[in-house]
Amino acid sequence: MKTIQVNMTLLSDTIFGSGRSVPGQEDISVLRDADGFPYYRGSTFKGIFREELERYTRWAGLYKPDPEGDGTENPGKENPVVRRLLGSNRGVGERSGCMAFSDFMLPGSVKHFVLGELGEGSAEEVLDACTHLRAFTQISEDGTAEHGTLRIARCVNRGLVFQSRISMPEEDEELVREVLSMIKWIGTMRNRGFGKVRIQ
């Protein structure tokens, strides 16, 4: 197996949605560790990688979903490249595969510096140093904000770099690097311009 370090630079504010809210403060919160640092789940990134791998294998001719040539995909047939690397996405407990993704975390040196400046036990201050709140509302046809549509989201600051380690069979390293280079957006509210990233 080959393991590579992956750096993900946030080119825009990004929302690592936790699926939770803080009543009266945030409608969309971000994932954070015990010290308050935001992070992005490796399992969530694996899902994005799966989507891009599906596309890449079709574009590169590594998988043809309609071998009969009738132009329709066979929904019962899985992409063998995707299944081998990432496991099946059908049925409970069937996701396995030979690739492994660690969570995307801020580098240890950055965490050490921030904790040195703010001190231990300052999780809220740490979170505020790495993130900020953004307000959104829906605009009506007359150009005014619609009543009751105000939402507050916590965003991870653009410019931060997160690191992960990805393991794969050595013979698949080139393929994995190609697919990683295709990933340009992650996180919540990508359709509103959040979550633009550069993967290296």
N, C-alpha and C. Protein backbone atom coordinates (compact mmCIF):
# COMPACT_ATOMS: atom_id res chain seq x y z
N MET A 1 0.84 -1.20 0.00
CA MET A 1 0.00 0.00 0.00
C MET A 1 0.88 1.25 0.00
N LYS A 2 0.38 2.28 -0.66
CA LYS A 2 1.08 3.57 -0.72
C LYS A 2 0.23 4.61 0.01
N THR A 3 0.88 5.43 0.82
CA THR A 3 0.19 6.50 1.54
C THR A 3 0.75 7.84 1.09
N ILE A 4 -0.13 8.77 0.74
CA ILE A 4 0.31 10.10 0.34
C ILE A 4 -0.35 11.14 1.26
N GLN A 5 0.35 12.24 1.45
CA GLN A 5 -0.24 13.36 2.19
C GLN A 5 -0.94 14.26 1.19
N VAL A 6 -2.14 14.67 1.53
CA VAL A 6 -2.94 15.53 0.67
C VAL A 6 -3.17 16.85 1.40
N ASN A 7 -2.84 17.96 0.72
CA ASN A 7 -3.11 19.29 1.26
C ASN A 7 -4.32 19.88 0.55
N MET A 8 -5.25 20.39 1.33
CA MET A 8 -6.45 21.02 0.78
C MET A 8 -6.47 22.48 1.22
N THR A 9 -6.27 23.39 0.26
CA THR A 9 -6.28 24.83 0.54
C THR A 9 -7.67 25.37 0.24
N LEU A 10 -8.24 26.10 1.18
CA LEU A 10 -9.56 26.70 0.97
C LEU A 10 -9.40 27.99 0.17
N LEU A 11 -9.93 28.01 -1.05
CA LEU A 11 -9.86 29.19 -1.90
C LEU A 11 -11.04 30.12 -1.68
N SER A 12 -12.03 29.67 -0.96
CA SER A 12 -13.17 30.51 -0.58
C SER A 12 -13.59 30.07 0.82
N ASP A 13 -14.44 30.87 1.45
CA ASP A 13 -15.00 30.43 2.72
C ASP A 13 -15.71 29.10 2.49
N THR A 14 -15.62 28.21 3.47
CA THR A 14 -16.12 26.85 3.30
C THR A 14 -16.91 26.45 4.53
N ILE A 15 -17.95 25.66 4.33
CA ILE A 15 -18.78 25.19 5.45
C ILE A 15 -18.61 23.69 5.60
N PHE A 16 -17.92 23.28 6.66
CA PHE A 16 -17.80 21.86 7.01
C PHE A 16 -19.01 21.52 7.88
N GLY A 17 -20.16 21.37 7.26
CA GLY A 17 -21.41 21.20 8.01
C GLY A 17 -21.38 20.02 8.97
N SER A 18 -21.81 20.28 10.20
CA SER A 18 -21.84 19.24 11.22
C SER A 18 -23.22 18.60 11.32
N GLY A 19 -24.22 19.20 10.65
CA GLY A 19 -25.58 18.70 10.77
C GLY A 19 -26.27 19.19 12.03
N ARG A 20 -25.60 20.09 12.75
CA ARG A 20 -26.17 20.61 13.99
C ARG A 20 -26.30 22.12 13.90
N SER A 21 -27.05 22.66 14.85
CA SER A 21 -27.21 24.11 14.94
C SER A 21 -27.05 24.52 16.39
N VAL A 22 -26.84 25.81 16.61
CA VAL A 22 -26.78 26.37 17.95
C VAL A 22 -27.97 27.31 18.08
N PRO A 23 -29.01 26.90 18.81
CA PRO A 23 -30.24 27.70 18.88
C PRO A 23 -29.95 29.16 19.25
N GLY A 24 -30.50 30.06 18.43
CA GLY A 24 -30.34 31.48 18.68
C GLY A 24 -29.03 32.06 18.17
N GLN A 25 -28.13 31.20 17.65
CA GLN A 25 -26.82 31.69 17.20
C GLN A 25 -26.49 31.25 15.78
N GLU A 26 -26.53 29.92 15.53
CA GLU A 26 -26.11 29.38 14.23
C GLU A 26 -27.13 28.37 13.74
N ASP A 27 -27.53 28.53 12.49
CA ASP A 27 -28.40 27.52 11.87
C ASP A 27 -27.57 26.39 11.28
N ILE A 28 -26.33 26.69 10.87
CA ILE A 28 -25.42 25.67 10.33
C ILE A 28 -24.10 25.80 11.07
N SER A 29 -23.73 24.77 11.82
CA SER A 29 -22.46 24.75 12.55
C SER A 29 -21.44 23.94 11.78
N VAL A 30 -20.16 24.10 12.13
CA VAL A 30 -19.10 23.34 11.48
C VAL A 30 -18.58 22.26 12.42
N LEU A 31 -18.00 21.22 11.82
CA LEU A 31 -17.34 20.19 12.61
C LEU A 31 -16.13 20.78 13.30
N ARG A 32 -15.92 20.43 14.56
CA ARG A 32 -14.74 20.90 15.28
C ARG A 32 -14.28 19.83 16.25
N ASP A 33 -12.98 19.86 16.54
CA ASP A 33 -12.45 18.89 17.49
C ASP A 33 -12.57 19.43 18.91
N ALA A 34 -12.03 18.70 19.88
CA ALA A 34 -12.18 19.07 21.29
C ALA A 34 -11.55 20.42 21.60
N ASP A 35 -10.52 20.81 20.84
CA ASP A 35 -9.85 22.10 21.07
C ASP A 35 -10.52 23.25 20.33
N GLY A 36 -11.53 22.97 19.51
CA GLY A 36 -12.23 24.01 18.78
C GLY A 36 -11.80 24.17 17.33
N PHE A 37 -10.84 23.38 16.88
CA PHE A 37 -10.36 23.51 15.50
C PHE A 37 -11.32 22.83 14.53
N PRO A 38 -11.68 23.51 13.44
CA PRO A 38 -12.55 22.86 12.44
C PRO A 38 -11.81 21.75 11.71
N TYR A 39 -12.56 20.75 11.25
CA TYR A 39 -11.98 19.67 10.45
C TYR A 39 -13.03 19.16 9.49
N TYR A 40 -12.57 18.39 8.51
CA TYR A 40 -13.46 17.84 7.49
C TYR A 40 -13.31 16.32 7.50
N ARG A 41 -14.42 15.62 7.61
CA ARG A 41 -14.37 14.16 7.75
C ARG A 41 -13.80 13.49 6.50
N GLY A 42 -12.90 12.53 6.72
CA GLY A 42 -12.37 11.75 5.62
C GLY A 42 -13.45 10.95 4.92
N SER A 43 -14.44 10.49 5.68
CA SER A 43 -15.52 9.70 5.09
C SER A 43 -16.38 10.56 4.16
N THR A 44 -16.55 11.84 4.50
CA THR A 44 -17.29 12.74 3.62
C THR A 44 -16.50 13.02 2.35
N PHE A 45 -15.20 13.23 2.51
CA PHE A 45 -14.34 13.45 1.34
C PHE A 45 -14.34 12.22 0.44
N LYS A 46 -14.40 11.05 1.04
CA LYS A 46 -14.44 9.81 0.27
C LYS A 46 -15.64 9.80 -0.67
N GLY A 47 -16.78 10.34 -0.21
CA GLY A 47 -17.96 10.41 -1.06
C GLY A 47 -17.75 11.33 -2.26
N ILE A 48 -17.07 12.45 -2.03
CA ILE A 48 -16.76 13.36 -3.14
C ILE A 48 -15.78 12.70 -4.10
N PHE A 49 -14.78 12.02 -3.53
CA PHE A 49 -13.81 11.30 -4.35
C PHE A 49 -14.51 10.23 -5.19
N ARG A 50 -15.48 9.55 -4.61
CA ARG A 50 -16.24 8.52 -5.34
C ARG A 50 -16.93 9.12 -6.56
N GLU A 51 -17.58 10.28 -6.39
CA GLU A 51 -18.27 10.93 -7.51
C GLU A 51 -17.29 11.24 -8.64
N GLU A 52 -16.14 11.81 -8.28
CA GLU A 52 -15.16 12.17 -9.31
C GLU A 52 -14.53 10.94 -9.95
N LEU A 53 -14.33 9.89 -9.16
CA LEU A 53 -13.77 8.64 -9.71
C LEU A 53 -14.74 8.03 -10.72
N GLU A 54 -16.03 8.08 -10.41
CA GLU A 54 -17.05 7.59 -11.36
C GLU A 54 -16.93 8.34 -12.68
N ARG A 55 -16.84 9.67 -12.60
CA ARG A 55 -16.73 10.48 -13.81
C ARG A 55 -15.44 10.17 -14.57
N TYR A 56 -14.34 10.13 -13.84
CA TYR A 56 -13.04 9.94 -14.47
C TYR A 56 -12.97 8.60 -15.21
N THR A 57 -13.44 7.54 -14.58
CA THR A 57 -13.35 6.22 -15.21
C THR A 57 -14.18 6.15 -16.48
N ARG A 58 -15.27 6.90 -16.54
CA ARG A 58 -16.07 6.94 -17.77
C ARG A 58 -15.39 7.77 -18.84
N TRP A 59 -14.89 8.96 -18.45
CA TRP A 59 -14.22 9.83 -19.42
C TRP A 59 -12.97 9.16 -19.99
N ALA A 60 -12.23 8.45 -19.13
CA ALA A 60 -10.98 7.83 -19.57
C ALA A 60 -11.20 6.49 -20.25
N GLY A 61 -12.46 6.03 -20.31
CA GLY A 61 -12.76 4.76 -20.96
C GLY A 61 -12.39 3.55 -20.13
N LEU A 62 -12.22 3.74 -18.81
CA LEU A 62 -11.89 2.61 -17.93
C LEU A 62 -13.13 1.80 -17.56
N TYR A 63 -14.30 2.39 -17.78
CA TYR A 63 -15.54 1.70 -17.47
C TYR A 63 -16.62 2.19 -18.42
N LYS A 64 -17.28 1.26 -19.08
CA LYS A 64 -18.38 1.60 -19.97
C LYS A 64 -19.66 1.01 -19.38
N PRO A 65 -20.58 1.87 -18.91
CA PRO A 65 -21.77 1.37 -18.22
C PRO A 65 -22.78 0.68 -19.10
N ASP A 66 -22.68 0.84 -20.43
CA ASP A 66 -23.67 0.21 -21.30
C ASP A 66 -22.97 -0.65 -22.36
N PRO A 67 -22.45 -1.83 -21.97
CA PRO A 67 -21.68 -2.66 -22.91
C PRO A 67 -22.49 -3.11 -24.13
N GLU A 68 -23.82 -3.12 -24.03
CA GLU A 68 -24.63 -3.53 -25.17
C GLU A 68 -24.74 -2.41 -26.21
N GLY A 69 -24.34 -1.20 -25.82
CA GLY A 69 -24.36 -0.08 -26.75
C GLY A 69 -25.73 0.49 -27.02
N ASP A 70 -26.70 0.22 -26.12
CA ASP A 70 -28.03 0.75 -26.36
C ASP A 70 -28.24 2.12 -25.74
N GLY A 71 -27.17 2.70 -25.15
CA GLY A 71 -27.25 4.05 -24.61
C GLY A 71 -27.87 4.15 -23.23
N THR A 72 -28.27 3.03 -22.65
CA THR A 72 -28.85 3.06 -21.30
C THR A 72 -27.91 2.38 -20.34
N GLU A 73 -27.81 2.95 -19.15
CA GLU A 73 -26.95 2.34 -18.14
C GLU A 73 -27.69 1.22 -17.45
N ASN A 74 -26.95 0.20 -17.07
CA ASN A 74 -27.52 -0.91 -16.33
C ASN A 74 -27.43 -0.60 -14.85
N PRO A 75 -28.56 -0.27 -14.20
CA PRO A 75 -28.50 0.13 -12.79
C PRO A 75 -28.05 -0.99 -11.86
N GLY A 76 -28.08 -2.20 -12.33
CA GLY A 76 -27.66 -3.32 -11.49
C GLY A 76 -26.18 -3.58 -11.54
N LYS A 77 -25.47 -2.91 -12.43
CA LYS A 77 -24.03 -3.16 -12.59
C LYS A 77 -23.22 -2.03 -11.98
N GLU A 78 -22.29 -2.37 -11.09
CA GLU A 78 -21.45 -1.37 -10.46
C GLU A 78 -20.15 -1.20 -11.23
N ASN A 79 -19.59 -0.02 -11.14
CA ASN A 79 -18.30 0.28 -11.72
C ASN A 79 -17.24 -0.53 -10.98
N PRO A 80 -16.55 -1.46 -11.65
CA PRO A 80 -15.61 -2.34 -10.94
C PRO A 80 -14.39 -1.59 -10.37
N VAL A 81 -13.96 -0.51 -11.02
CA VAL A 81 -12.82 0.26 -10.50
C VAL A 81 -13.21 0.93 -9.20
N VAL A 82 -14.39 1.53 -9.17
CA VAL A 82 -14.87 2.20 -7.97
C VAL A 82 -15.09 1.19 -6.85
N ARG A 83 -15.71 0.06 -7.20
CA ARG A 83 -15.98 -0.96 -6.19
C ARG A 83 -14.69 -1.50 -5.59
N ARG A 84 -13.66 -1.70 -6.41
CA ARG A 84 -12.40 -2.24 -5.90
C ARG A 84 -11.71 -1.25 -4.96
N LEU A 85 -11.70 0.04 -5.34
CA LEU A 85 -10.99 1.03 -4.53
C LEU A 85 -11.79 1.50 -3.32
N LEU A 86 -13.10 1.69 -3.49
CA LEU A 86 -13.91 2.31 -2.44
C LEU A 86 -14.97 1.41 -1.86
N GLY A 87 -15.15 0.24 -2.43
CA GLY A 87 -16.16 -0.67 -1.94
C GLY A 87 -17.51 -0.40 -2.57
N SER A 88 -18.47 -1.21 -2.22
CA SER A 88 -19.81 -1.09 -2.78
C SER A 88 -20.58 0.00 -2.04
N ASN A 89 -21.46 0.67 -2.76
CA ASN A 89 -22.34 1.64 -2.10
C ASN A 89 -23.77 1.13 -2.05
N ARG A 90 -23.91 -0.18 -2.14
CA ARG A 90 -25.24 -0.79 -2.12
C ARG A 90 -25.38 -1.67 -0.89
N GLY A 91 -26.43 -1.47 -0.16
CA GLY A 91 -26.69 -2.31 1.00
C GLY A 91 -25.96 -1.81 2.24
N VAL A 92 -26.46 -2.19 3.39
CA VAL A 92 -25.88 -1.78 4.67
C VAL A 92 -24.62 -2.58 4.93
N GLY A 93 -23.58 -1.89 5.38
CA GLY A 93 -22.35 -2.55 5.76
C GLY A 93 -21.51 -3.07 4.61
N GLU A 94 -21.81 -2.67 3.37
CA GLU A 94 -21.07 -3.18 2.23
C GLU A 94 -19.96 -2.25 1.77
N ARG A 95 -19.87 -1.05 2.37
CA ARG A 95 -18.82 -0.12 1.96
C ARG A 95 -17.49 -0.59 2.55
N SER A 96 -16.61 -1.00 1.68
CA SER A 96 -15.26 -1.33 2.10
C SER A 96 -14.36 -0.85 0.99
N GLY A 97 -13.45 -1.66 0.57
CA GLY A 97 -12.53 -1.22 -0.48
C GLY A 97 -11.14 -1.09 0.08
N CYS A 98 -10.18 -0.88 -0.80
CA CYS A 98 -8.79 -0.89 -0.36
C CYS A 98 -8.23 0.50 -0.08
N MET A 99 -8.99 1.58 -0.30
CA MET A 99 -8.51 2.93 0.01
C MET A 99 -8.95 3.35 1.41
N ALA A 100 -8.12 4.18 2.04
CA ALA A 100 -8.44 4.72 3.37
C ALA A 100 -8.17 6.22 3.38
N PHE A 101 -9.07 6.97 4.01
CA PHE A 101 -8.98 8.43 4.08
C PHE A 101 -8.99 8.87 5.54
N SER A 102 -7.98 9.62 5.95
CA SER A 102 -8.03 10.21 7.29
C SER A 102 -8.76 11.54 7.21
N ASP A 103 -9.20 12.05 8.37
CA ASP A 103 -9.86 13.35 8.40
C ASP A 103 -8.90 14.44 7.97
N PHE A 104 -9.44 15.50 7.36
CA PHE A 104 -8.64 16.68 7.01
C PHE A 104 -8.57 17.58 8.23
N MET A 105 -7.34 17.75 8.74
CA MET A 105 -7.10 18.55 9.94
C MET A 105 -6.10 19.65 9.64
N LEU A 106 -6.13 20.70 10.46
CA LEU A 106 -5.08 21.71 10.37
C LEU A 106 -3.76 21.09 10.80
N PRO A 107 -2.64 21.52 10.22
CA PRO A 107 -1.34 20.96 10.61
C PRO A 107 -1.07 21.13 12.10
N GLY A 108 -0.36 20.18 12.67
CA GLY A 108 -0.04 20.23 14.09
C GLY A 108 0.69 21.50 14.49
N SER A 109 1.56 22.00 13.62
CA SER A 109 2.30 23.23 13.95
C SER A 109 1.37 24.43 14.09
N VAL A 110 0.34 24.48 13.24
CA VAL A 110 -0.63 25.57 13.31
C VAL A 110 -1.43 25.47 14.61
N LYS A 111 -1.88 24.27 14.93
CA LYS A 111 -2.64 24.08 16.17
C LYS A 111 -1.80 24.46 17.39
N HIS A 112 -0.55 24.04 17.38
CA HIS A 112 0.35 24.33 18.50
C HIS A 112 0.51 25.84 18.67
N PHE A 113 0.69 26.56 17.57
CA PHE A 113 0.85 28.02 17.62
C PHE A 113 -0.40 28.69 18.17
N VAL A 114 -1.57 28.31 17.63
CA VAL A 114 -2.82 28.93 18.07
C VAL A 114 -3.08 28.66 19.54
N LEU A 115 -2.87 27.41 19.97
CA LEU A 115 -3.09 27.08 21.38
C LEU A 115 -2.08 27.81 22.27
N GLY A 116 -0.88 28.03 21.75
CA GLY A 116 0.13 28.77 22.51
C GLY A 116 -0.28 30.22 22.70
N GLU A 117 -0.95 30.78 21.68
CA GLU A 117 -1.40 32.17 21.77
C GLU A 117 -2.66 32.31 22.63
N LEU A 118 -3.58 31.37 22.48
CA LEU A 118 -4.87 31.50 23.16
C LEU A 118 -4.95 30.72 24.46
N GLY A 119 -4.11 29.68 24.59
CA GLY A 119 -4.12 28.87 25.80
C GLY A 119 -5.07 27.70 25.71
N GLU A 120 -4.79 26.68 26.51
CA GLU A 120 -5.64 25.49 26.56
C GLU A 120 -7.02 25.86 27.12
N GLY A 121 -8.01 25.09 26.71
CA GLY A 121 -9.36 25.31 27.23
C GLY A 121 -10.07 26.51 26.65
N SER A 122 -9.59 27.00 25.51
CA SER A 122 -10.22 28.18 24.89
C SER A 122 -10.84 27.77 23.55
N ALA A 123 -11.63 26.71 23.56
CA ALA A 123 -12.18 26.14 22.32
C ALA A 123 -13.00 27.15 21.53
N GLU A 124 -13.79 27.98 22.22
CA GLU A 124 -14.60 28.97 21.49
C GLU A 124 -13.72 30.03 20.84
N GLU A 125 -12.65 30.45 21.51
CA GLU A 125 -11.73 31.42 20.92
C GLU A 125 -10.99 30.81 19.74
N VAL A 126 -10.61 29.55 19.87
CA VAL A 126 -9.96 28.85 18.76
C VAL A 126 -10.89 28.80 17.56
N LEU A 127 -12.14 28.44 17.80
CA LEU A 127 -13.11 28.36 16.71
C LEU A 127 -13.29 29.73 16.05
N ASP A 128 -13.36 30.79 16.85
CA ASP A 128 -13.52 32.13 16.30
C ASP A 128 -12.30 32.58 15.52
N ALA A 129 -11.12 32.05 15.85
CA ALA A 129 -9.90 32.41 15.12
C ALA A 129 -9.86 31.77 13.74
N CYS A 130 -10.56 30.65 13.57
CA CYS A 130 -10.52 29.89 12.31
C CYS A 130 -11.77 30.04 11.47
N THR A 131 -12.83 30.60 12.06
CA THR A 131 -14.12 30.66 11.38
C THR A 131 -14.77 32.02 11.61
N HIS A 132 -15.86 32.24 10.92
CA HIS A 132 -16.67 33.44 11.14
C HIS A 132 -18.12 33.13 10.77
N LEU A 133 -19.03 34.00 11.17
CA LEU A 133 -20.44 33.80 10.89
C LEU A 133 -20.86 34.59 9.66
N ARG A 134 -21.72 34.00 8.84
CA ARG A 134 -22.27 34.67 7.66
C ARG A 134 -23.79 34.58 7.73
N ALA A 135 -24.45 35.65 7.37
CA ALA A 135 -25.92 35.69 7.38
C ALA A 135 -26.43 35.61 5.95
N PHE A 136 -27.54 34.89 5.76
CA PHE A 136 -28.17 34.72 4.45
C PHE A 136 -29.66 34.98 4.60
N THR A 137 -30.24 35.48 3.55
CA THR A 137 -31.69 35.64 3.53
C THR A 137 -32.17 35.47 2.10
N GLN A 138 -33.42 35.13 1.95
CA GLN A 138 -34.01 34.99 0.63
C GLN A 138 -34.60 36.33 0.20
N ILE A 139 -34.36 36.72 -1.04
CA ILE A 139 -34.84 38.00 -1.55
C ILE A 139 -36.12 37.77 -2.35
N SER A 140 -37.12 38.60 -2.08
CA SER A 140 -38.40 38.47 -2.79
C SER A 140 -38.31 39.16 -4.15
N GLU A 141 -39.37 39.04 -4.93
CA GLU A 141 -39.39 39.62 -6.28
C GLU A 141 -39.26 41.14 -6.27
N ASP A 142 -39.69 41.78 -5.18
CA ASP A 142 -39.59 43.25 -5.12
C ASP A 142 -38.24 43.71 -4.58
N GLY A 143 -37.31 42.76 -4.36
CA GLY A 143 -35.96 43.13 -3.94
C GLY A 143 -35.75 43.28 -2.45
N THR A 144 -36.75 42.91 -1.65
CA THR A 144 -36.61 43.00 -0.19
C THR A 144 -36.44 41.60 0.39
N ALA A 145 -35.91 41.56 1.60
CA ALA A 145 -35.71 40.27 2.27
C ALA A 145 -37.05 39.67 2.68
N GLU A 146 -37.22 38.40 2.37
CA GLU A 146 -38.47 37.73 2.76
C GLU A 146 -38.47 37.46 4.26
N HIS A 147 -39.60 37.69 4.88
CA HIS A 147 -39.74 37.51 6.32
C HIS A 147 -39.49 36.05 6.71
N GLY A 148 -38.71 35.86 7.76
CA GLY A 148 -38.48 34.52 8.30
C GLY A 148 -37.46 33.68 7.56
N THR A 149 -36.69 34.29 6.65
CA THR A 149 -35.73 33.50 5.86
C THR A 149 -34.28 33.73 6.30
N LEU A 150 -34.06 34.51 7.35
CA LEU A 150 -32.69 34.76 7.81
C LEU A 150 -32.06 33.48 8.35
N ARG A 151 -30.87 33.14 7.85
CA ARG A 151 -30.12 31.97 8.31
C ARG A 151 -28.69 32.40 8.60
N ILE A 152 -28.11 31.83 9.67
CA ILE A 152 -26.73 32.12 10.05
C ILE A 152 -25.91 30.84 9.89
N ALA A 153 -24.81 30.94 9.18
CA ALA A 153 -23.93 29.78 8.97
C ALA A 153 -22.52 30.13 9.45
N ARG A 154 -21.87 29.15 10.06
CA ARG A 154 -20.47 29.34 10.46
C ARG A 154 -19.59 28.83 9.32
N CYS A 155 -18.69 29.67 8.85
CA CYS A 155 -17.82 29.35 7.72
C CYS A 155 -16.37 29.25 8.17
N VAL A 156 -15.65 28.30 7.61
CA VAL A 156 -14.21 28.18 7.84
C VAL A 156 -13.53 29.20 6.93
N ASN A 157 -12.57 29.93 7.49
CA ASN A 157 -11.91 31.02 6.76
C ASN A 157 -11.14 30.52 5.55
N ARG A 158 -11.30 31.24 4.43
CA ARG A 158 -10.52 30.89 3.25
C ARG A 158 -9.04 31.13 3.54
N GLY A 159 -8.18 30.40 2.81
CA GLY A 159 -6.74 30.51 3.00
C GLY A 159 -6.17 29.45 3.91
N LEU A 160 -7.00 28.84 4.75
CA LEU A 160 -6.51 27.79 5.64
C LEU A 160 -6.19 26.53 4.82
N VAL A 161 -5.21 25.80 5.30
CA VAL A 161 -4.78 24.56 4.63
C VAL A 161 -5.00 23.39 5.57
N PHE A 162 -5.71 22.39 5.10
CA PHE A 162 -6.00 21.18 5.87
C PHE A 162 -5.26 20.01 5.25
N GLN A 163 -4.86 19.06 6.10
CA GLN A 163 -4.07 17.92 5.63
C GLN A 163 -4.75 16.60 5.95
N SER A 164 -4.59 15.66 5.04
CA SER A 164 -5.11 14.31 5.23
C SER A 164 -4.07 13.33 4.69
N ARG A 165 -4.22 12.08 5.06
CA ARG A 165 -3.40 11.02 4.50
C ARG A 165 -4.33 10.00 3.84
N ILE A 166 -3.99 9.66 2.61
CA ILE A 166 -4.81 8.72 1.84
C ILE A 166 -3.95 7.53 1.45
N SER A 167 -4.47 6.35 1.69
CA SER A 167 -3.76 5.11 1.36
C SER A 167 -4.47 4.40 0.22
N MET A 168 -3.66 3.83 -0.67
CA MET A 168 -4.21 3.11 -1.82
C MET A 168 -3.17 2.10 -2.29
N PRO A 169 -3.56 1.11 -3.11
CA PRO A 169 -2.56 0.22 -3.70
C PRO A 169 -1.57 1.03 -4.53
N GLU A 170 -0.32 0.68 -4.45
CA GLU A 170 0.72 1.46 -5.12
C GLU A 170 0.47 1.61 -6.62
N GLU A 171 -0.09 0.57 -7.23
CA GLU A 171 -0.33 0.64 -8.68
C GLU A 171 -1.45 1.61 -9.05
N ASP A 172 -2.23 2.07 -8.07
CA ASP A 172 -3.33 3.00 -8.33
C ASP A 172 -2.98 4.45 -7.99
N GLU A 173 -1.74 4.70 -7.60
CA GLU A 173 -1.38 6.05 -7.15
C GLU A 173 -1.62 7.10 -8.23
N GLU A 174 -1.23 6.82 -9.46
CA GLU A 174 -1.40 7.80 -10.53
C GLU A 174 -2.88 8.10 -10.77
N LEU A 175 -3.70 7.07 -10.76
CA LEU A 175 -5.15 7.25 -10.93
C LEU A 175 -5.71 8.11 -9.80
N VAL A 176 -5.32 7.81 -8.57
CA VAL A 176 -5.81 8.56 -7.41
C VAL A 176 -5.41 10.03 -7.52
N ARG A 177 -4.16 10.28 -7.90
CA ARG A 177 -3.70 11.67 -8.04
C ARG A 177 -4.49 12.41 -9.13
N GLU A 178 -4.79 11.74 -10.22
CA GLU A 178 -5.58 12.35 -11.29
C GLU A 178 -6.97 12.74 -10.78
N VAL A 179 -7.60 11.83 -10.06
CA VAL A 179 -8.95 12.09 -9.56
C VAL A 179 -8.92 13.20 -8.51
N LEU A 180 -7.92 13.21 -7.64
CA LEU A 180 -7.80 14.28 -6.64
C LEU A 180 -7.70 15.65 -7.30
N SER A 181 -6.99 15.72 -8.42
CA SER A 181 -6.82 17.00 -9.11
C SER A 181 -8.13 17.52 -9.69
N MET A 182 -9.14 16.66 -9.83
CA MET A 182 -10.43 17.06 -10.38
C MET A 182 -11.35 17.68 -9.33
N ILE A 183 -11.05 17.45 -8.06
CA ILE A 183 -11.93 17.93 -6.99
C ILE A 183 -11.71 19.43 -6.78
N LYS A 184 -12.76 20.20 -6.99
CA LYS A 184 -12.68 21.66 -6.89
C LYS A 184 -13.60 22.25 -5.82
N TRP A 185 -14.61 21.51 -5.39
CA TRP A 185 -15.59 22.03 -4.44
C TRP A 185 -15.90 20.98 -3.38
N ILE A 186 -16.02 21.42 -2.13
CA ILE A 186 -16.41 20.53 -1.04
C ILE A 186 -17.37 21.27 -0.11
N GLY A 187 -17.94 20.55 0.82
CA GLY A 187 -18.72 21.18 1.89
C GLY A 187 -20.15 21.52 1.51
N THR A 188 -20.77 22.29 2.40
CA THR A 188 -22.17 22.68 2.27
C THR A 188 -22.29 23.98 1.48
N MET A 189 -23.39 24.15 0.76
CA MET A 189 -23.72 25.36 -0.01
C MET A 189 -22.71 25.64 -1.12
N ARG A 190 -22.25 24.58 -1.78
CA ARG A 190 -21.33 24.75 -2.91
C ARG A 190 -21.99 25.53 -4.05
N ASN A 191 -23.31 25.39 -4.17
CA ASN A 191 -24.02 26.08 -5.25
C ASN A 191 -24.09 27.59 -5.01
N ARG A 192 -23.66 28.05 -3.85
CA ARG A 192 -23.62 29.49 -3.55
C ARG A 192 -22.19 30.03 -3.52
N GLY A 193 -21.25 29.25 -4.01
CA GLY A 193 -19.88 29.74 -4.09
C GLY A 193 -19.00 29.40 -2.90
N PHE A 194 -19.52 28.64 -1.96
CA PHE A 194 -18.72 28.23 -0.82
C PHE A 194 -17.99 26.93 -1.14
N GLY A 195 -16.83 26.74 -0.52
CA GLY A 195 -16.15 25.46 -0.61
C GLY A 195 -15.27 25.24 -1.82
N LYS A 196 -14.77 26.31 -2.45
CA LYS A 196 -13.83 26.13 -3.54
C LYS A 196 -12.46 25.79 -2.95
N VAL A 197 -11.84 24.72 -3.45
CA VAL A 197 -10.58 24.25 -2.86
C VAL A 197 -9.56 23.94 -3.93
N ARG A 198 -8.31 23.87 -3.49
CA ARG A 198 -7.22 23.36 -4.34
C ARG A 198 -6.62 22.18 -3.61
N ILE A 199 -6.59 21.04 -4.28
CA ILE A 199 -6.05 19.81 -3.70
C ILE A 199 -4.66 19.58 -4.26
N GLN A 200 -3.70 19.38 -3.39
CA GLN A 200 -2.32 19.09 -3.80
C GLN A 200 -1.81 17.87 -3.05
